C-alpha atoms as a PDB file:
ATOM      1  CA  MET A   1      11.543   8.274   8.983  1.00  0.00           C
ATOM      2  CA  ARG A   2       9.441   7.016  11.871  1.00  0.00           C
ATOM      3  CA  GLU A   3       6.123   7.808  10.144  1.00  0.00           C
ATOM      4  CA  LEU A   4       6.951   5.027   7.653  1.00  0.00           C
ATOM      5  CA  TRP A   5       6.820   1.368   8.740  1.00  0.00           C
ATOM      6  CA  GLN A   6       8.404  -1.465   6.731  1.00  0.00           C
ATOM      7  CA  GLU A   7       8.325  -5.231   7.165  1.00  0.00           C
ATOM      8  CA  ASP A   8       9.747  -7.947   4.938  1.00  0.00           C
ATOM      9  CA  TRP A   9       7.463 -10.945   4.478  1.00  0.00           C
ATOM     10  CA  THR A  10       7.922 -14.310   2.799  1.00  0.00           C
ATOM     11  CA  LEU A  11       4.527 -15.708   1.818  1.00  0.00           C
ATOM     12  CA  GLY A  12       3.935 -19.022   3.563  1.00  0.00           C
ATOM     13  CA  ALA A  13       1.446 -21.834   3.163  1.00  0.00           C
ATOM     14  CA  LEU A  14      -1.184 -20.131   5.340  1.00  0.00           C
ATOM     15  CA  ASP A  15      -0.929 -16.872   3.382  1.00  0.00           C
ATOM     16  CA  VAL A  16      -1.960 -18.265   0.013  1.00  0.00           C
ATOM     17  CA  SER A  17      -4.840 -20.065  -1.683  1.00  0.00           C
ATOM     18  CA  PRO A  18      -4.626 -23.510  -3.330  1.00  0.00           C
ATOM     19  CA  ALA A  19      -3.767 -21.558  -6.502  1.00  0.00           C
ATOM     20  CA  ARG A  20      -0.675 -20.335  -4.569  1.00  0.00           C
ATOM     21  CA  ARG A  21      -1.752 -16.690  -4.735  1.00  0.00           C
ATOM     22  CA  LEU A  22      -1.806 -14.343  -1.761  1.00  0.00           C
ATOM     23  CA  ARG A  23      -5.213 -14.341  -0.082  1.00  0.00           C
ATOM     24  CA  PHE A  24      -6.759 -10.915   0.447  1.00  0.00           C
ATOM     25  CA  SER A  25      -7.547 -11.976   4.010  1.00  0.00           C
ATOM     26  CA  ALA A  26      -3.869 -12.721   4.672  1.00  0.00           C
ATOM     27  CA  LEU A  27      -2.903  -9.288   3.385  1.00  0.00           C
ATOM     28  CA  LEU A  28      -5.519  -7.640   5.626  1.00  0.00           C
ATOM     29  CA  ALA A  29      -4.272  -9.565   8.656  1.00  0.00           C
ATOM     30  CA  LYS A  30      -0.668  -8.551   7.939  1.00  0.00           C
ATOM     31  CA  VAL A  31      -1.634  -4.906   7.429  1.00  0.00           C
ATOM     32  CA  GLN A  32      -3.620  -4.951  10.684  1.00  0.00           C
ATOM     33  CA  LEU A  33      -0.679  -6.212  12.725  1.00  0.00           C
ATOM     34  CA  ALA A  34       1.776  -3.816  11.090  1.00  0.00           C
ATOM     35  CA  SER A  35      -0.585  -0.872  11.550  1.00  0.00           C
ATOM     36  CA  ILE A  36      -1.035  -1.532  15.263  1.00  0.00           C
ATOM     37  CA  ALA A  37       2.701  -2.047  15.722  1.00  0.00           C
ATOM     38  CA  HIS A  38       3.339   1.246  13.941  1.00  0.00           C
ATOM     39  CA  ALA A  39       0.713   3.091  15.997  1.00  0.00           C
ATOM     40  CA  THR A  40       2.466   1.767  19.105  1.00  0.00           C
ATOM     41  CA  ALA A  41       5.813   3.055  17.848  1.00  0.00           C
ATOM     42  CA  LEU A  42       4.202   6.451  17.238  1.00  0.00           C
ATOM     43  CA  GLY A  43       2.957   6.704  20.833  1.00  0.00           C
ATOM     44  CA  ALA A  44      -0.569   5.299  20.474  1.00  0.00           C
ATOM     45  CA  GLY A  45       0.055   1.828  21.887  1.00  0.00           C
ATOM     46  CA  ARG A  46      -1.925  -0.265  24.335  1.00  0.00           C
ATOM     47  CA  GLU A  47      -1.156   1.945  27.344  1.00  0.00           C
ATOM     48  CA  LYS A  48      -3.049   4.737  25.533  1.00  0.00           C
ATOM     49  CA  THR A  49      -5.715   2.493  24.015  1.00  0.00           C
ATOM     50  CA  LEU A  50      -6.352  -1.128  25.006  1.00  0.00           C
ATOM     51  CA  ASP A  51      -5.362  -0.725  28.660  1.00  0.00           C
ATOM     52  CA  ARG A  52      -7.869   2.142  28.920  1.00  0.00           C
ATOM     53  CA  GLY A  53     -10.689   0.269  27.198  1.00  0.00           C
ATOM     54  CA  LEU A  54     -10.149   1.645  23.681  1.00  0.00           C
ATOM     55  CA  LEU A  55     -10.094  -0.661  20.665  1.00  0.00           C
ATOM     56  CA  TRP A  56      -8.665  -0.024  17.203  1.00  0.00           C
ATOM     57  CA  ALA A  57     -11.115  -1.014  14.456  1.00  0.00           C
ATOM     58  CA  VAL A  58     -11.050  -0.797  10.657  1.00  0.00           C
ATOM     59  CA  SER A  59     -13.933   1.087   9.050  1.00  0.00           C
ATOM     60  CA  ARG A  60     -13.054   0.716   5.355  1.00  0.00           C
ATOM     61  CA  VAL A  61     -10.216  -0.797   3.332  1.00  0.00           C
ATOM     62  CA  ARG A  62      -9.396  -0.765  -0.388  1.00  0.00           C
ATOM     63  CA  ALA A  63      -6.498  -2.308  -2.325  1.00  0.00           C
ATOM     64  CA  ARG A  64      -5.515  -2.271  -5.996  1.00  0.00           C
ATOM     65  CA  PHE A  65      -3.317  -5.128  -7.265  1.00  0.00           C
ATOM     66  CA  ALA A  66      -0.848  -4.732 -10.129  1.00  0.00           C
ATOM     67  CA  ARG A  67       0.074  -8.366  -9.546  1.00  0.00           C
ATOM     68  CA  VAL A  68      -0.879 -10.816  -6.816  1.00  0.00           C
ATOM     69  CA  PRO A  69       2.292 -12.264  -5.248  1.00  0.00           C
ATOM     70  CA  ARG A  70       2.778 -16.023  -5.034  1.00  0.00           C
ATOM     71  CA  TYR A  71       3.728 -18.628  -2.486  1.00  0.00           C
ATOM     72  CA  ASP A  72       7.304 -18.359  -1.168  1.00  0.00           C
ATOM     73  CA  GLU A  73       7.737 -14.917  -2.730  1.00  0.00           C
ATOM     74  CA  ARG A  74       9.506 -12.360  -0.570  1.00  0.00           C
ATOM     75  CA  VAL A  75       7.777  -8.991  -0.464  1.00  0.00           C
ATOM     76  CA  ARG A  76       8.033  -5.799   1.558  1.00  0.00           C
ATOM     77  CA  LEU A  77       5.014  -4.262   3.298  1.00  0.00           C
ATOM     78  CA  VAL A  78       5.176  -0.491   3.728  1.00  0.00           C
ATOM     79  CA  THR A  79       2.508   1.399   5.681  1.00  0.00           C
ATOM     80  CA  TRP A  80       2.073   4.980   6.869  1.00  0.00           C
ATOM     81  CA  PRO A  81      -0.660   7.052   8.535  1.00  0.00           C
ATOM     82  CA  GLY A  82      -2.334  10.000   6.868  1.00  0.00           C
ATOM     83  CA  GLU A  83      -3.455  13.130   8.652  1.00  0.00           C
ATOM     84  CA  THR A  84      -6.184  12.401  11.208  1.00  0.00           C
ATOM     85  CA  MET A  85      -9.699  13.384  10.093  1.00  0.00           C
ATOM     86  CA  HIS A  86     -11.412  14.315  13.388  1.00  0.00           C
ATOM     87  CA  ALA A  87     -12.341  10.806  14.578  1.00  0.00           C
ATOM     88  CA  LEU A  88     -10.965   8.817  11.612  1.00  0.00           C
ATOM     89  CA  PHE A  89      -7.380   7.740  11.052  1.00  0.00           C
ATOM     90  CA  PRO A  90      -6.430   7.235   7.373  1.00  0.00           C
ATOM     91  CA  ARG A  91      -3.698   4.693   6.778  1.00  0.00           C
ATOM     92  CA  TYR A  92      -2.047   3.695   3.516  1.00  0.00           C
ATOM     93  CA  PHE A  93      -0.061   0.614   2.557  1.00  0.00           C
ATOM     94  CA  GLU A  94       1.810  -0.957  -0.320  1.00  0.00           C
ATOM     95  CA  LEU A  95       3.461  -4.258  -1.156  1.00  0.00           C
ATOM     96  CA  LEU A  96       6.709  -4.212  -3.095  1.00  0.00           C
ATOM     97  CA  ASP A  97       8.420  -7.108  -4.841  1.00  0.00           C
ATOM     98  CA  GLY A  98      12.094  -7.998  -4.504  1.00  0.00           C
ATOM     99  CA  GLU A  99      13.031  -5.413  -7.135  1.00  0.00           C
ATOM    100  CA  GLY A 100      11.074  -2.643  -5.420  1.00  0.00           C
ATOM    101  CA  ARG A 101       8.196  -2.729  -7.900  1.00  0.00           C
ATOM    102  CA  GLN A 102       4.778  -1.961  -6.468  1.00  0.00           C
ATOM    103  CA  LEU A 103       2.474  -4.987  -6.346  1.00  0.00           C
ATOM    104  CA  VAL A 104      -0.344  -3.567  -4.222  1.00  0.00           C
ATOM    105  CA  LEU A 105      -1.387  -0.053  -3.226  1.00  0.00           C
ATOM    106  CA  GLY A 106      -4.103   0.390  -0.619  1.00  0.00           C
ATOM    107  CA  SER A 107      -5.874   2.737   1.748  1.00  0.00           C
ATOM    108  CA  SER A 108      -7.923   2.295   4.879  1.00  0.00           C
ATOM    109  CA  LEU A 109      -9.845   4.217   7.495  1.00  0.00           C
ATOM    110  CA  TRP A 110      -9.468   3.335  11.169  1.00  0.00           C
ATOM    111  CA  LEU A 111     -11.325   4.479  14.243  1.00  0.00           C
ATOM    112  CA  LEU A 112     -11.168   4.070  17.994  1.00  0.00           C
ATOM    113  CA  MET A 113     -14.062   2.289  19.705  1.00  0.00           C
ATOM    114  CA  ASP A 114     -15.007   2.450  23.367  1.00  0.00           C
ATOM    115  CA  GLY A 115     -14.916  -1.197  24.412  1.00  0.00           C
ATOM    116  CA  ARG A 116     -17.575  -0.614  27.052  1.00  0.00           C
ATOM    117  CA  THR A 117     -20.189   1.357  25.084  1.00  0.00           C
ATOM    118  CA  ARG A 118     -19.176  -0.093  21.664  1.00  0.00           C
ATOM    119  CA  ARG A 119     -19.400   3.428  20.248  1.00  0.00           C
ATOM    120  CA  MET A 120     -16.858   5.479  18.341  1.00  0.00           C
ATOM    121  CA  ALA A 121     -14.406   7.266  20.622  1.00  0.00           C
ATOM    122  CA  PHE A 122     -13.085  10.721  19.779  1.00  0.00           C
ATOM    123  CA  PRO A 123      -9.277  10.703  20.020  1.00  0.00           C
ATOM    124  CA  GLU A 124      -8.962  14.245  21.384  1.00  0.00           C
ATOM    125  CA  GLU A 125     -11.099  13.281  24.373  1.00  0.00           C
ATOM    126  CA  TRP A 126      -8.677  10.445  25.190  1.00  0.00           C
ATOM    127  CA  GLY A 127      -5.432  12.165  24.279  1.00  0.00           C
ATOM    128  CA  VAL A 128      -4.649   9.769  21.429  1.00  0.00           C
ATOM    129  CA  GLU A 129      -2.574  11.212  18.584  1.00  0.00           C
ATOM    130  CA  VAL A 130      -1.063   9.572  15.516  1.00  0.00           C
ATOM    131  CA  PRO A 131       1.185  11.916  13.501  1.00  0.00           C
ATOM    132  CA  GLY A 132       0.442  11.744   9.790  1.00  0.00           C
ATOM    133  CA  LEU A 133       2.706  11.666   6.753  1.00  0.00           C
ATOM    134  CA  VAL A 134       1.898  13.012   3.281  1.00  0.00           C
ATOM    135  CA  ARG A 135       4.011  11.239   0.668  1.00  0.00           C
ATOM    136  CA  GLY A 136       2.083  12.702  -2.273  1.00  0.00           C
ATOM    137  CA  ASP A 137       1.287   9.377  -3.940  1.00  0.00           C
ATOM    138  CA  GLU A 138      -1.521   8.274  -1.636  1.00  0.00           C
ATOM    139  CA  PRO A 139      -4.438   6.481  -3.323  1.00  0.00           C
ATOM    140  CA  GLU A 140      -8.020   7.576  -2.798  1.00  0.00           C
ATOM    141  CA  LEU A 141      -9.656   6.618   0.454  1.00  0.00           C
ATOM    142  CA  PRO A 142     -12.346   3.918   0.160  1.00  0.00           C
ATOM    143  CA  PRO A 143     -15.657   5.404  -1.037  1.00  0.00           C
ATOM    144  CA  ALA A 144     -19.183   4.343  -0.077  1.00  0.00           C
ATOM    145  CA  LEU A 145     -20.535   1.154  -1.678  1.00  0.00           C
ATOM    146  CA  MET A 146     -23.998   0.745  -3.116  1.00  0.00           C
ATOM    147  CA  PRO A 147     -26.554  -1.775  -1.799  1.00  0.00           C
ATOM    148  CA  VAL A 148     -26.504  -5.195  -3.471  1.00  0.00           C
ATOM    149  CA  ARG A 149     -29.301  -7.064  -5.198  1.00  0.00           C
ATOM    150  CA  GLY A 150     -28.790 -10.732  -5.879  1.00  0.00           C
ATOM    151  CA  PRO A 151     -29.143 -14.269  -4.552  1.00  0.00           C
ATOM    152  CA  GLU A 152     -29.463 -14.585  -0.787  1.00  0.00           C
ATOM    153  CA  SER A 153     -27.954 -17.001   1.706  1.00  0.00           C
ATOM    154  CA  GLY A 154     -27.361 -17.077   5.433  1.00  0.00           C
ATOM    155  CA  ARG A 155     -24.283 -17.461   7.606  1.00  0.00           C
ATOM    156  CA  THR A 156     -23.681 -17.195  11.337  1.00  0.00           C
ATOM    157  CA  VAL A 157     -20.619 -15.606  12.905  1.00  0.00           C
ATOM    158  CA  LEU A 158     -18.710 -18.281  14.800  1.00  0.00           C
ATOM    159  CA  TYR A 159     -16.294 -17.982  17.705  1.00  0.00           C
ATOM    160  CA  SER A 160     -13.374 -18.659  15.341  1.00  0.00           C
ATOM    161  CA  ASP A 161     -14.346 -15.576  13.280  1.00  0.00           C
ATOM    162  CA  THR A 162     -13.844 -13.231  16.228  1.00  0.00           C
ATOM    163  CA  ASP A 163     -10.771 -11.476  17.591  1.00  0.00           C
ATOM    164  CA  LEU A 164      -9.473  -9.462  20.548  1.00  0.00           C
ATOM    165  CA  ASN A 165     -12.172  -6.831  19.998  1.00  0.00           C
ATOM    166  CA  GLY A 166     -14.928  -9.397  20.540  1.00  0.00           C
ATOM    167  CA  HIS A 167     -16.266  -9.093  17.004  1.00  0.00           C
ATOM    168  CA  MET A 168     -15.633 -10.623  13.600  1.00  0.00           C
ATOM    169  CA  ASN A 169     -12.128  -9.706  12.469  1.00  0.00           C
ATOM    170  CA  ASN A 170     -11.825  -7.525   9.380  1.00  0.00           C
ATOM    171  CA  SER A 171      -9.841 -10.184   7.506  1.00  0.00           C
ATOM    172  CA  ARG A 172     -12.553 -12.812   7.941  1.00  0.00           C
ATOM    173  CA  TYR A 173     -14.936 -10.830   5.730  1.00  0.00           C
ATOM    174  CA  ALA A 174     -12.511 -11.367   2.857  1.00  0.00           C
ATOM    175  CA  ASP A 175     -12.642 -15.115   3.505  1.00  0.00           C
ATOM    176  CA  TRP A 176     -16.439 -14.975   3.470  1.00  0.00           C
ATOM    177  CA  ALA A 177     -16.284 -13.198   0.101  1.00  0.00           C
ATOM    178  CA  ASP A 178     -14.014 -15.965  -1.232  1.00  0.00           C
ATOM    179  CA  ASP A 179     -16.490 -18.557   0.017  1.00  0.00           C
ATOM    180  CA  LEU A 180     -19.271 -16.897  -1.975  1.00  0.00           C
ATOM    181  CA  LEU A 181     -17.289 -17.594  -5.161  1.00  0.00           C
ATOM    182  CA  GLY A 182     -15.718 -20.934  -4.220  1.00  0.00           C
ATOM    183  CA  GLY A 183     -12.362 -22.469  -5.058  1.00  0.00           C
ATOM    184  CA  GLU A 184     -13.189 -23.769  -8.524  1.00  0.00           C
ATOM    185  CA  ARG A 185     -14.219 -20.335  -9.771  1.00  0.00           C
ATOM    186  CA  LEU A 186     -11.435 -18.497  -7.934  1.00  0.00           C
ATOM    187  CA  ALA A 187      -8.774 -20.762  -9.470  1.00  0.00           C
ATOM    188  CA  GLY A 188      -9.337 -19.009 -12.801  1.00  0.00           C
ATOM    189  CA  LEU A 189      -9.434 -15.472 -11.420  1.00  0.00           C
ATOM    190  CA  GLU A 190      -6.807 -13.031 -10.168  1.00  0.00           C
ATOM    191  CA  LEU A 191      -7.787 -10.152  -7.928  1.00  0.00           C
ATOM    192  CA  ARG A 192      -7.261  -6.644  -9.274  1.00  0.00           C
ATOM    193  CA  LEU A 193      -9.286  -4.442  -6.906  1.00  0.00           C
ATOM    194  CA  ALA A 194     -10.835  -5.222  -3.531  1.00  0.00           C
ATOM    195  CA  GLN A 195     -12.765  -3.088  -1.073  1.00  0.00           C
ATOM    196  CA  ILE A 196     -14.606  -3.895   2.136  1.00  0.00           C
ATOM    197  CA  ASN A 197     -16.669  -1.405   4.156  1.00  0.00           C
ATOM    198  CA  TYR A 198     -17.510  -2.334   7.739  1.00  0.00           C
ATOM    199  CA  GLN A 199     -20.671  -0.573   8.908  1.00  0.00           C
ATOM    200  CA  ARG A 200     -21.535  -2.425  12.118  1.00  0.00           C
ATOM    201  CA  GLU A 201     -20.023  -5.017  14.426  1.00  0.00           C
ATOM    202  CA  ALA A 202     -20.769  -8.686  13.857  1.00  0.00           C
ATOM    203  CA  ARG A 203     -20.365 -10.628  17.089  1.00  0.00           C
ATOM    204  CA  GLU A 204     -20.392 -14.341  17.850  1.00  0.00           C
ATOM    205  CA  GLY A 205     -23.844 -15.732  17.101  1.00  0.00           C
ATOM    206  CA  SER A 206     -24.849 -12.930  14.723  1.00  0.00           C
ATOM    207  CA  ALA A 207     -27.005 -14.425  11.966  1.00  0.00           C
ATOM    208  CA  LEU A 208     -26.301 -12.528   8.752  1.00  0.00           C
ATOM    209  CA  LEU A 209     -28.300 -12.437   5.545  1.00  0.00           C
ATOM    210  CA  LEU A 210     -25.834 -12.407   2.643  1.00  0.00           C
ATOM    211  CA  ARG A 211     -26.657 -10.938  -0.757  1.00  0.00           C
ATOM    212  CA  SER A 212     -24.214 -11.300  -3.629  1.00  0.00           C
ATOM    213  CA  SER A 213     -23.885 -10.986  -7.385  1.00  0.00           C
ATOM    214  CA  PHE A 214     -21.038 -11.930  -9.713  1.00  0.00           C
ATOM    215  CA  SER A 215     -20.990 -10.659 -13.278  1.00  0.00           C
ATOM    216  CA  GLY A 216     -18.300  -9.515 -15.685  1.00  0.00           C
ATOM    217  CA  GLY A 217     -15.556 -10.420 -13.240  1.00  0.00           C
ATOM    218  CA  VAL A 218     -17.050  -8.244 -10.483  1.00  0.00           C
ATOM    219  CA  LEU A 219     -18.269  -9.516  -7.118  1.00  0.00           C
ATOM    220  CA  ARG A 220     -20.650  -7.365  -5.115  1.00  0.00           C
ATOM    221  CA  ALA A 221     -21.751  -8.625  -1.719  1.00  0.00           C
ATOM    222  CA  GLU A 222     -23.201  -7.418   1.546  1.00  0.00           C
ATOM    223  CA  GLY A 223     -24.268  -8.822   4.886  1.00  0.00           C
ATOM    224  CA  LEU A 224     -27.221  -7.659   6.955  1.00  0.00           C
ATOM    225  CA  GLU A 225     -28.271  -8.415  10.505  1.00  0.00           C
ATOM    226  CA  GLU A 226     -32.031  -7.972  10.585  1.00  0.00           C
ATOM    227  CA  THR A 227     -32.390  -4.731   8.574  1.00  0.00           C
ATOM    228  CA  GLN A 228     -28.966  -3.243   9.388  1.00  0.00           C
ATOM    229  CA  ARG A 229     -26.101  -3.538   6.919  1.00  0.00           C
ATOM    230  CA  VAL A 230     -23.023  -4.989   8.600  1.00  0.00           C
ATOM    231  CA  PHE A 231     -20.555  -4.988   5.687  1.00  0.00           C
ATOM    232  CA  SER A 232     -20.220  -4.444   1.934  1.00  0.00           C
ATOM    233  CA  VAL A 233     -17.716  -5.945  -0.509  1.00  0.00           C
ATOM    234  CA  PHE A 234     -16.627  -4.928  -4.004  1.00  0.00           C
ATOM    235  CA  GLU A 235     -14.037  -7.001  -5.879  1.00  0.00           C
ATOM    236  CA  GLU A 236     -12.827  -6.942  -9.485  1.00  0.00           C
ATOM    237  CA  PHE A 237     -11.039  -9.927 -11.018  1.00  0.00           C
ATOM    238  CA  GLU A 238      -9.124 -10.723 -14.179  1.00  0.00           C
ATOM    239  CA  GLU A 239      -9.535 -14.122 -15.790  1.00  0.00           C
ATOM    240  CA  THR A 240      -6.323 -16.150 -15.815  1.00  0.00           C
ATOM    241  CA  GLY A 241      -7.524 -19.466 -17.198  1.00  0.00           C
ATOM    242  CA  GLY A 242      -6.946 -21.348 -13.939  1.00  0.00           C
ATOM    243  CA  GLY A 243      -3.979 -22.816 -12.154  1.00  0.00           C
ATOM    244  CA  ALA A 244      -1.132 -21.196 -10.267  1.00  0.00           C
END
């Protein structure tokens, strides 16, 4: 079935934290690459997009973890597109363990961006189509996230945060969320639910005001550039007592 894409993946040293658990950012990066490869296989590759000045961008992503896989574990990533919603492309994904048990189930919303105007592009105007698949077990698409009240800090987007699109890569926001908690605290936590909403681009040199709160195993965070919200994060954790 060509509407279903599968990749086997052995978690390496760069995919995991010091606690030897899969980083959310590594999962997002893997899903991004697989999604673009799948879109290419479905006829929406670079000759229809990048070579014409169109950029794929993630708008929202959400993942629920039954168990976070560990270093050197072999897993299978499965991803498939949903039915296009006017200018938004739903895409779903799951991670399976070696026995076929579901470790992670996630959903995302993608859009096309005009690389020149930096505005959303409407696929019908560019002749871009991605056929969708309805499996029947799709999770909910990521909902809106509420504004955050909490301690404030600042952080500037660096060149190393950016990607082909000329803005901060979607996976880097997950790393920023980890940095808000820090390694000592994260060592005793295991991720159960994670969502990131991307409202605006953050480009090299963007100075963001970060607001965050952590209570009851829940991290809420957001970043603003001047008065405009750039991103929002919601993460739920389970206490593990520390260690791998």
